[in-house]
Amino acid sequence: MHTKRFGLVGKNISYSFSKSYFTNKFQENNNFDCEYENIDLQTIQELPNYLKKNPELIGLNVTIPYKESILLFLDELSETAKIIGAVNTIKITPEGKLIGYNTDYFGFQKALKPMLKPYHKKALILGTGGASKGVTFALKEIGIDVTFVSRKASDKNLVYSQITPEIFNDHKIIINCTPIGTSPKIDECVPIPYDCFSEKHIAFDLIYNPSETLFLKKAKKQGAKIQNGLEMLIFQAEKSWEIWNK
């Protein structure tokens, strides 16, 4: 039987959800001809060589820190991925062509929508890396204004020390798109004024391990509605599967 191989491209990804998720999915659906593996690369420059040695690969997911740098190695981008400027799903055609997609925005939007109320009009996006790009596209698509926050000063974002109670109150959705707080460093969190969270706020953390980060715990303590990244991950994984099987 010809094996269909899929994998996750990232760095230090032994913790990854994707491998166990897809392995279970294949077993449950009797996809005995499918395998999913972690492709742990120290630099993205290792990718072409890896693909050359593994021609059976037909689909990839991409995680931190390669969602933007992987663009250089792709032959084609979906229209959405072009706009977003980051890729987390790749389809490999029988001819070996790499086509990039972004399913993060789809997963995030689907996970967030049931939580939204009419007063959720503005969001603070913490972090400006590849993960924030799909989130930004998803929010703008449903008419939510975004303000970026980063450690580095720029004309495109605030720095953490600039978040006043007024700014916090004006943005009722706060999204952590940084890796701060991921296991094993669970006692860390982004430096924001947590006592400004209220019952009207949504705190969304793209991290799913641990299931409740310090960011989420502190927000919940103030009455905010909280959501981790697991649902988003499941929705984007299902979208990836759909793309690979088109």
Protein backbone atom coordinates (compact mmCIF):
# COMPACT_ATOMS: atom_id res chain seq x y z
CA MET A 1 0.00 0.00 0.00
CA HIS A 2 1.36 3.42 -0.98
CA THR A 3 1.82 5.56 2.15
CA LYS A 4 0.58 9.15 2.12
CA ARG A 5 2.89 11.17 4.34
CA PHE A 6 2.15 14.47 6.06
CA GLY A 7 4.16 16.47 8.58
CA LEU A 8 4.63 19.52 10.75
CA VAL A 9 7.55 21.84 9.97
CA GLY A 10 8.85 23.77 12.99
CA LYS A 11 11.65 24.10 15.52
CA ASN A 12 11.75 22.21 18.84
CA ILE A 13 8.27 20.78 18.26
CA SER A 14 8.29 17.55 20.27
CA TYR A 15 5.37 19.03 22.30
CA SER A 16 3.23 19.40 19.16
CA PHE A 17 -0.47 18.67 19.08
CA SER A 18 -0.58 18.01 15.33
CA LYS A 19 1.13 14.63 15.24
CA SER A 20 -1.12 13.02 17.87
CA TYR A 21 -4.22 14.73 16.42
CA PHE A 22 -3.68 13.46 12.89
CA THR A 23 -2.46 10.01 14.01
CA ASN A 24 -5.71 9.57 16.00
CA LYS A 25 -7.74 10.92 13.08
CA PHE A 26 -6.15 8.42 10.68
CA GLN A 27 -6.87 5.52 13.06
CA GLU A 28 -10.48 6.56 13.68
CA ASN A 29 -11.17 6.92 9.94
CA ASN A 30 -9.28 3.78 8.90
CA ASN A 31 -6.77 5.85 6.90
CA PHE A 32 -4.14 3.13 7.35
CA ASP A 33 -2.21 4.45 4.34
CA CYS A 34 -1.55 7.82 6.07
CA GLU A 35 1.28 8.90 8.38
CA TYR A 36 2.04 12.20 10.12
CA GLU A 37 5.47 13.18 11.42
CA ASN A 38 7.28 16.04 13.15
CA ILE A 39 9.84 17.71 10.87
CA ASP A 40 12.07 19.46 13.37
CA LEU A 41 14.39 21.85 11.51
CA GLN A 42 17.01 24.04 13.19
CA THR A 43 16.83 26.44 10.21
CA ILE A 44 14.29 26.72 7.41
CA GLN A 45 17.15 26.36 4.90
CA GLU A 46 17.11 22.62 5.72
CA LEU A 47 13.66 22.23 4.14
CA PRO A 48 14.56 21.66 0.44
CA ASN A 49 17.01 18.91 1.34
CA TYR A 50 14.48 17.24 3.63
CA LEU A 51 11.82 17.28 0.89
CA LYS A 52 14.27 15.87 -1.64
CA LYS A 53 14.98 12.93 0.68
CA ASN A 54 11.25 12.43 1.45
CA PRO A 55 9.38 12.56 -1.88
CA GLU A 56 6.32 10.75 -0.42
CA LEU A 57 5.30 13.88 1.54
CA ILE A 58 2.08 15.36 0.14
CA GLY A 59 1.04 17.85 2.82
CA LEU A 60 2.68 19.99 5.49
CA ASN A 61 1.64 22.16 8.40
CA VAL A 62 3.99 24.97 9.46
CA THR A 63 4.44 26.38 12.96
CA ILE A 64 6.61 28.87 14.85
CA PRO A 65 9.09 30.22 13.83
CA TYR A 66 8.75 29.46 10.10
CA LYS A 67 5.31 30.76 9.04
CA GLU A 68 6.86 33.74 7.22
CA SER A 69 10.35 32.53 6.28
CA ILE A 70 8.90 29.47 4.51
CA LEU A 71 7.39 31.74 1.83
CA LEU A 72 10.77 31.85 0.05
CA PHE A 73 10.56 28.10 -0.66
CA LEU A 74 7.02 28.00 -2.09
CA ASP A 75 6.03 27.90 -5.76
CA GLU A 76 2.58 29.37 -5.31
CA LEU A 77 0.33 31.02 -2.69
CA SER A 78 -3.43 31.02 -2.28
CA GLU A 79 -5.00 34.49 -2.60
CA THR A 80 -5.61 34.63 1.16
CA ALA A 81 -2.05 33.56 2.03
CA LYS A 82 -0.74 36.32 -0.30
CA ILE A 83 -2.73 38.96 1.59
CA ILE A 84 -1.84 37.59 5.04
CA GLY A 85 1.86 37.11 4.30
CA ALA A 86 2.18 33.93 6.37
CA VAL A 87 1.60 30.24 5.64
CA ASN A 88 0.75 27.36 7.96
CA THR A 89 -0.44 24.75 5.43
CA ILE A 90 1.29 23.48 2.30
CA LYS A 91 -0.01 21.16 -0.37
CA ILE A 92 2.64 19.28 -2.37
CA THR A 93 1.41 18.39 -5.85
CA PRO A 94 2.37 15.14 -7.65
CA GLU A 95 4.84 17.25 -9.67
CA GLY A 96 6.51 18.40 -6.45
CA LYS A 97 5.09 21.94 -6.50
CA LEU A 98 4.65 23.59 -3.08
CA ILE A 99 1.43 25.58 -2.70
CA GLY A 100 1.02 27.66 0.47
CA TYR A 101 -2.24 28.37 2.33
CA ASN A 102 -3.21 30.03 5.61
CA THR A 103 -5.77 28.09 7.64
CA ASP A 104 -4.89 29.85 10.93
CA TYR A 105 -7.20 32.74 10.14
CA PHE A 106 -10.09 30.32 9.46
CA GLY A 107 -9.49 28.41 12.72
CA PHE A 108 -9.16 31.56 14.81
CA GLN A 109 -12.26 33.20 13.34
CA LYS A 110 -14.37 30.09 13.86
CA ALA A 111 -13.23 29.76 17.50
CA LEU A 112 -13.76 33.46 18.29
CA LYS A 113 -17.13 34.15 16.61
CA PRO A 114 -19.38 32.41 19.19
CA MET A 115 -17.88 34.61 21.93
CA LEU A 116 -18.53 37.96 20.26
CA LYS A 117 -21.01 40.57 21.53
CA PRO A 118 -21.95 43.90 19.88
CA TYR A 119 -19.43 45.78 22.07
CA HIS A 120 -16.49 43.70 20.79
CA LYS A 121 -15.35 46.22 18.18
CA LYS A 122 -11.60 46.54 18.84
CA ALA A 123 -8.77 44.12 19.61
CA LEU A 124 -5.26 44.39 21.01
CA ILE A 125 -2.94 41.91 19.29
CA LEU A 126 0.03 41.05 21.48
CA GLY A 127 2.96 40.08 19.26
CA THR A 128 3.68 40.83 15.61
CA GLY A 129 5.13 37.52 14.35
CA GLY A 130 3.72 35.11 11.78
CA ALA A 131 0.93 33.90 14.10
CA SER A 132 -0.48 37.42 14.44
CA LYS A 133 -0.95 37.79 10.69
CA GLY A 134 -3.73 35.23 10.28
CA VAL A 135 -5.44 36.61 13.41
CA THR A 136 -5.31 40.15 12.00
CA PHE A 137 -6.86 39.07 8.70
CA ALA A 138 -9.62 37.15 10.54
CA LEU A 139 -10.51 40.15 12.73
CA LYS A 140 -10.53 42.67 9.89
CA GLU A 141 -12.72 40.35 7.81
CA ILE A 142 -15.43 40.52 10.49
CA GLY A 143 -15.05 44.28 11.00
CA ILE A 144 -12.98 44.39 14.19
CA ASP A 145 -10.30 47.09 14.41
CA VAL A 146 -6.85 46.00 15.57
CA THR A 147 -3.98 47.63 17.46
CA PHE A 148 -0.64 45.84 17.64
CA VAL A 149 1.56 45.62 20.72
CA SER A 150 5.18 44.50 20.66
CA ARG A 151 8.37 44.68 22.70
CA LYS A 152 10.00 46.80 19.99
CA ALA A 153 8.89 50.34 19.27
CA SER A 154 7.61 51.06 15.75
CA ASP A 155 5.18 53.40 14.01
CA LYS A 156 2.93 50.36 13.43
CA ASN A 157 2.53 49.25 17.03
CA LEU A 158 2.47 50.22 20.70
CA VAL A 159 4.99 48.87 23.17
CA TYR A 160 3.67 47.15 26.31
CA SER A 161 4.45 50.10 28.59
CA GLN A 162 2.13 52.30 26.47
CA ILE A 163 -1.02 50.30 27.27
CA THR A 164 -3.01 52.64 29.50
CA PRO A 165 -6.27 51.68 31.31
CA GLU A 166 -8.11 53.80 28.71
CA ILE A 167 -6.57 51.87 25.78
CA PHE A 168 -7.25 48.57 27.52
CA ASN A 169 -10.88 49.49 28.18
CA ASP A 170 -11.33 50.63 24.58
CA HIS A 171 -10.17 47.23 23.26
CA LYS A 172 -12.47 44.50 24.57
CA ILE A 173 -10.60 41.64 22.85
CA ILE A 174 -7.02 40.90 23.95
CA ILE A 175 -5.16 38.21 21.97
CA ASN A 176 -1.81 36.70 22.92
CA CYS A 177 -0.02 35.80 19.68
CA THR A 178 3.37 35.39 21.39
CA PRO A 179 4.84 32.09 22.63
CA ILE A 180 5.20 33.57 26.16
CA GLY A 181 3.64 31.21 28.71
CA THR A 182 4.04 28.02 26.66
CA SER A 183 4.99 24.90 28.63
CA PRO A 184 7.49 24.43 30.26
CA LYS A 185 7.73 28.20 30.99
CA ILE A 186 4.23 28.34 32.45
CA ASP A 187 5.04 31.00 35.06
CA GLU A 188 5.58 33.68 32.39
CA CYS A 189 3.08 36.06 30.79
CA VAL A 190 3.04 39.15 28.58
CA PRO A 191 3.48 42.41 30.58
CA ILE A 192 0.03 44.02 30.34
CA PRO A 193 -2.19 45.65 33.04
CA TYR A 194 -4.19 42.54 33.98
CA ASP A 195 -6.29 44.38 36.56
CA CYS A 196 -7.89 46.27 33.63
CA PHE A 197 -9.65 43.11 32.40
CA SER A 198 -13.42 43.17 32.94
CA GLU A 199 -16.44 40.91 32.40
CA LYS A 200 -16.84 42.45 28.94
CA HIS A 201 -13.34 41.44 27.84
CA ILE A 202 -12.34 38.36 25.86
CA ALA A 203 -8.85 37.02 26.55
CA PHE A 204 -7.75 34.70 23.73
CA ASP A 205 -4.42 32.87 23.91
CA LEU A 206 -3.13 31.04 20.82
CA ILE A 207 -1.18 28.76 23.19
CA TYR A 208 -2.86 25.43 24.02
CA ASN A 209 -0.20 23.88 26.27
CA PRO A 210 -0.87 24.51 29.13
CA SER A 211 -4.62 24.67 28.56
CA GLU A 212 -4.81 27.67 30.91
CA THR A 213 -1.79 29.95 30.66
CA LEU A 214 -0.92 32.55 33.27
CA PHE A 215 -2.29 35.17 30.82
CA LEU A 216 -5.68 33.38 30.84
CA LYS A 217 -5.67 32.77 34.61
CA LYS A 218 -5.07 36.44 35.35
CA ALA A 219 -7.77 37.53 32.88
CA LYS A 220 -10.28 35.01 34.30
CA LYS A 221 -9.63 36.31 37.82
CA GLN A 222 -10.94 39.71 36.65
CA GLY A 223 -14.09 38.12 35.14
CA ALA A 224 -13.01 38.04 31.48
CA LYS A 225 -14.18 35.29 29.12
CA ILE A 226 -11.19 33.16 28.19
CA GLN A 227 -10.26 30.87 25.30
CA ASN A 228 -7.08 28.95 24.56
CA GLY A 229 -5.76 27.93 21.14
CA LEU A 230 -6.99 24.33 21.04
CA GLU A 231 -10.28 24.90 19.20
CA MET A 232 -8.54 27.14 16.70
CA LEU A 233 -5.94 24.43 16.15
CA ILE A 234 -8.58 21.75 15.54
CA PHE A 235 -10.49 23.95 13.08
CA GLN A 236 -7.32 24.86 11.15
CA ALA A 237 -6.17 21.20 11.12
CA GLU A 238 -9.50 20.11 9.61
CA LYS A 239 -9.17 22.85 6.98
CA SER A 240 -5.63 21.61 6.19
CA TRP A 241 -6.97 18.06 5.72
CA GLU A 242 -9.62 19.42 3.33
CA ILE A 243 -6.94 21.25 1.28
CA TRP A 244 -4.66 18.19 1.08
CA ASN A 245 -7.54 16.06 -0.17
CA LYS A 246 -8.87 18.51 -2.78
